[in-house]
Amino acid sequence: MQVVLVEPEIPGNTGNISRLCAANHVTLHLVEPLGFSLEDKYLKRAGLDYWDLLDLHIHPNYEALEASLPPTARYWYATTKGGRSYASVTYREDDVLVFGKETKGLPEELLRAHPERCIRIPMIDEARSLNLSNAVAIISYEMLRQTGFPGLRQEGEIPKGDGDEHV
């Protein structure tokens, strides 16, 4: 699974998404220009100590991103203009989720070129959009759920107490 952020602007959002991708063994692609430095303290703080777990790729433009991925990859473009819900899609492990910049979303020409691949998160008309890191989390977890959470631990273990726990 791949997550793509096209021209992200807010370091905290990208840091949160980086942490999400690292924790779920999802490759993250950033398409330049970025609205921040990769050394930004807010970016680093949001990603905490997960940076060494992240498979991160930086691309100078969208064409370079496409050239780096297999030609058989299916792209899904997250947009409030999408004609179908993200939950109506049947995802595959090698799919690519593409998200736009916080202030403008994805370029209109990209959306017009792929209307059948434009997906949205249902919400009321009065809400312009969700926070980018929330949108990535919602859609990526649906993809992970559908594909059986490949390589991820699904069960935890509640510690056994000494009998003096407080309720």
Protein backbone atom coordinates (compact mmCIF):
# COMPACT_ATOMS: atom_id res chain seq x y z
CA MET A 1 0.00 0.00 0.00
CA GLN A 2 1.19 3.47 -0.86
CA VAL A 3 0.08 6.88 0.40
CA VAL A 4 0.89 9.96 -1.66
CA LEU A 5 0.75 13.55 -0.43
CA VAL A 6 0.85 16.03 -3.30
CA GLU A 7 2.44 19.31 -2.19
CA PRO A 8 1.59 19.05 1.53
CA GLU A 9 1.72 22.37 3.36
CA ILE A 10 1.42 21.73 7.10
CA PRO A 11 4.34 19.97 8.81
CA GLY A 12 2.24 18.63 11.70
CA ASN A 13 -0.16 16.88 9.31
CA THR A 14 2.68 15.30 7.37
CA GLY A 15 4.32 14.25 10.64
CA ASN A 16 1.11 12.58 11.82
CA ILE A 17 0.69 10.83 8.47
CA SER A 18 4.34 9.72 8.60
CA ARG A 19 3.74 8.14 11.99
CA LEU A 20 0.57 6.43 10.72
CA CYS A 21 2.42 5.05 7.69
CA ALA A 22 5.37 3.88 9.80
CA ALA A 23 3.10 2.09 12.28
CA ASN A 24 1.22 0.34 9.47
CA HIS A 25 4.14 -0.49 7.17
CA VAL A 26 2.73 1.78 4.45
CA THR A 27 5.05 3.55 2.03
CA LEU A 28 4.73 7.35 2.05
CA HIS A 29 5.46 9.46 -1.03
CA LEU A 30 5.76 13.24 -0.85
CA VAL A 31 5.46 15.21 -4.08
CA GLU A 32 7.26 18.56 -4.11
CA PRO A 33 7.10 21.41 -3.59
CA LEU A 34 6.62 20.90 0.15
CA GLY A 35 5.33 23.75 2.28
CA PHE A 36 8.00 23.07 4.92
CA SER A 37 11.46 21.65 5.44
CA LEU A 38 11.87 17.97 6.25
CA GLU A 39 13.91 19.21 9.22
CA ASP A 40 10.92 21.15 10.61
CA LYS A 41 10.55 20.63 14.37
CA TYR A 42 6.75 20.23 14.12
CA LEU A 43 7.13 17.56 11.47
CA LYS A 44 9.69 15.68 13.56
CA ARG A 45 7.68 16.06 16.78
CA ALA A 46 4.47 14.74 15.20
CA GLY A 47 6.32 11.69 13.83
CA LEU A 48 7.94 11.09 17.23
CA ASP A 49 10.52 8.34 17.19
CA TYR A 50 8.96 6.46 14.26
CA TRP A 51 11.12 8.02 11.53
CA ASP A 52 13.43 5.01 11.29
CA LEU A 53 10.39 2.78 10.59
CA LEU A 54 9.11 4.92 7.71
CA ASP A 55 9.60 4.04 4.05
CA LEU A 56 9.66 7.60 2.67
CA HIS A 57 10.16 8.71 -0.93
CA ILE A 58 10.39 12.32 -2.13
CA HIS A 59 9.52 13.16 -5.75
CA PRO A 60 10.20 16.46 -7.55
CA ASN A 61 6.81 16.31 -9.32
CA TYR A 62 3.80 14.07 -9.92
CA GLU A 63 5.20 12.64 -13.15
CA ALA A 64 8.30 11.41 -11.28
CA LEU A 65 6.04 9.74 -8.72
CA GLU A 66 4.10 7.90 -11.43
CA ALA A 67 7.33 6.82 -13.12
CA SER A 68 8.58 5.35 -9.83
CA LEU A 69 5.54 3.11 -9.26
CA PRO A 70 4.54 -0.03 -11.17
CA PRO A 71 2.49 0.72 -14.31
CA THR A 72 -0.19 -1.66 -13.00
CA ALA A 73 -0.76 0.38 -9.81
CA ARG A 74 -4.32 1.58 -9.27
CA TYR A 75 -4.57 5.16 -8.02
CA TRP A 76 -7.42 6.44 -5.85
CA TYR A 77 -7.75 10.22 -5.61
CA ALA A 78 -9.25 11.51 -2.36
CA THR A 79 -11.29 14.64 -2.98
CA THR A 80 -14.45 16.31 -1.70
CA LYS A 81 -15.48 16.35 -5.38
CA GLY A 82 -15.37 12.54 -5.62
CA GLY A 83 -18.39 10.81 -7.08
CA ARG A 84 -18.25 7.76 -4.81
CA SER A 85 -17.58 6.96 -1.19
CA TYR A 86 -14.17 5.59 -0.24
CA ALA A 87 -16.06 2.72 1.46
CA SER A 88 -17.62 1.57 -1.83
CA VAL A 89 -14.23 0.69 -3.33
CA THR A 90 -12.72 -2.80 -3.24
CA TYR A 91 -9.04 -2.14 -2.50
CA ARG A 92 -5.97 -4.21 -3.30
CA GLU A 93 -2.69 -4.29 -1.37
CA ASP A 94 -0.81 -2.56 -4.19
CA ASP A 95 -3.24 0.37 -4.54
CA VAL A 96 -2.09 3.97 -4.22
CA LEU A 97 -4.04 6.53 -2.19
CA VAL A 98 -3.43 10.10 -3.40
CA PHE A 99 -4.20 13.18 -1.29
CA GLY A 100 -3.79 16.85 -2.16
CA LYS A 101 -2.54 19.89 -0.32
CA GLU A 102 -4.49 21.14 2.67
CA THR A 103 -5.66 24.44 1.14
CA LYS A 104 -6.57 23.37 -2.41
CA GLY A 105 -6.72 19.60 -2.63
CA LEU A 106 -5.60 17.82 -5.78
CA PRO A 107 -5.18 19.62 -9.11
CA GLU A 108 -8.43 19.80 -11.11
CA GLU A 109 -6.76 18.39 -14.25
CA LEU A 110 -5.75 15.25 -12.33
CA LEU A 111 -9.31 14.76 -11.07
CA ARG A 112 -10.84 15.38 -14.51
CA ALA A 113 -8.46 12.83 -16.04
CA HIS A 114 -9.58 10.11 -13.58
CA PRO A 115 -13.19 10.73 -12.47
CA GLU A 116 -13.84 7.00 -11.96
CA ARG A 117 -10.99 6.91 -9.40
CA CYS A 118 -12.10 9.94 -7.37
CA ILE A 119 -13.33 9.01 -3.89
CA ARG A 120 -14.69 11.03 -1.02
CA ILE A 121 -15.37 10.70 2.68
CA PRO A 122 -19.09 11.32 3.26
CA MET A 123 -19.84 14.45 5.30
CA ILE A 124 -22.43 17.21 5.48
CA ASP A 125 -22.47 19.84 2.74
CA GLU A 126 -21.61 22.66 5.14
CA ALA A 127 -18.25 21.07 6.03
CA ARG A 128 -15.57 21.93 3.46
CA SER A 129 -13.29 19.01 4.30
CA LEU A 130 -11.63 17.01 7.05
CA ASN A 131 -8.10 17.48 8.36
CA LEU A 132 -5.65 15.82 5.96
CA SER A 133 -4.17 13.46 8.54
CA ASN A 134 -7.67 12.35 9.57
CA ALA A 135 -8.65 11.72 5.95
CA VAL A 136 -5.53 9.62 5.34
CA ALA A 137 -6.23 7.62 8.50
CA ILE A 138 -9.87 6.94 7.59
CA ILE A 139 -9.23 5.78 4.03
CA SER A 140 -5.98 3.92 4.68
CA TYR A 141 -7.52 1.92 7.52
CA GLU A 142 -10.40 0.90 5.27
CA MET A 143 -7.87 -0.34 2.73
CA LEU A 144 -5.93 -2.16 5.45
CA ARG A 145 -9.14 -3.71 6.80
CA GLN A 146 -10.20 -4.95 3.39
CA THR A 147 -6.80 -6.48 2.69
CA GLY A 148 -6.61 -8.24 6.08
CA PHE A 149 -4.13 -5.87 7.78
CA PRO A 150 -1.13 -7.46 6.03
CA GLY A 151 1.89 -7.80 8.29
CA LEU A 152 0.22 -6.02 11.21
CA ARG A 153 -0.38 -7.33 14.68
CA GLN A 154 -4.11 -7.41 15.22
CA GLU A 155 -4.38 -8.67 18.78
CA GLY A 156 -2.95 -7.25 21.96
CA GLU A 157 -2.52 -8.73 25.38
CA ILE A 158 -4.05 -7.17 28.45
CA PRO A 159 -1.53 -7.40 31.32
CA LYS A 160 -2.45 -9.65 34.21
CA GLY A 161 -2.71 -7.74 37.46
CA ASP A 162 -1.96 -8.71 41.02
CA GLY A 163 -5.61 -8.50 42.05
CA ASP A 164 -5.37 -5.00 43.51
CA GLU A 165 -6.52 -3.14 40.39
CA HIS A 166 -8.89 -0.27 40.86
CA VAL A 167 -12.03 -0.12 38.81
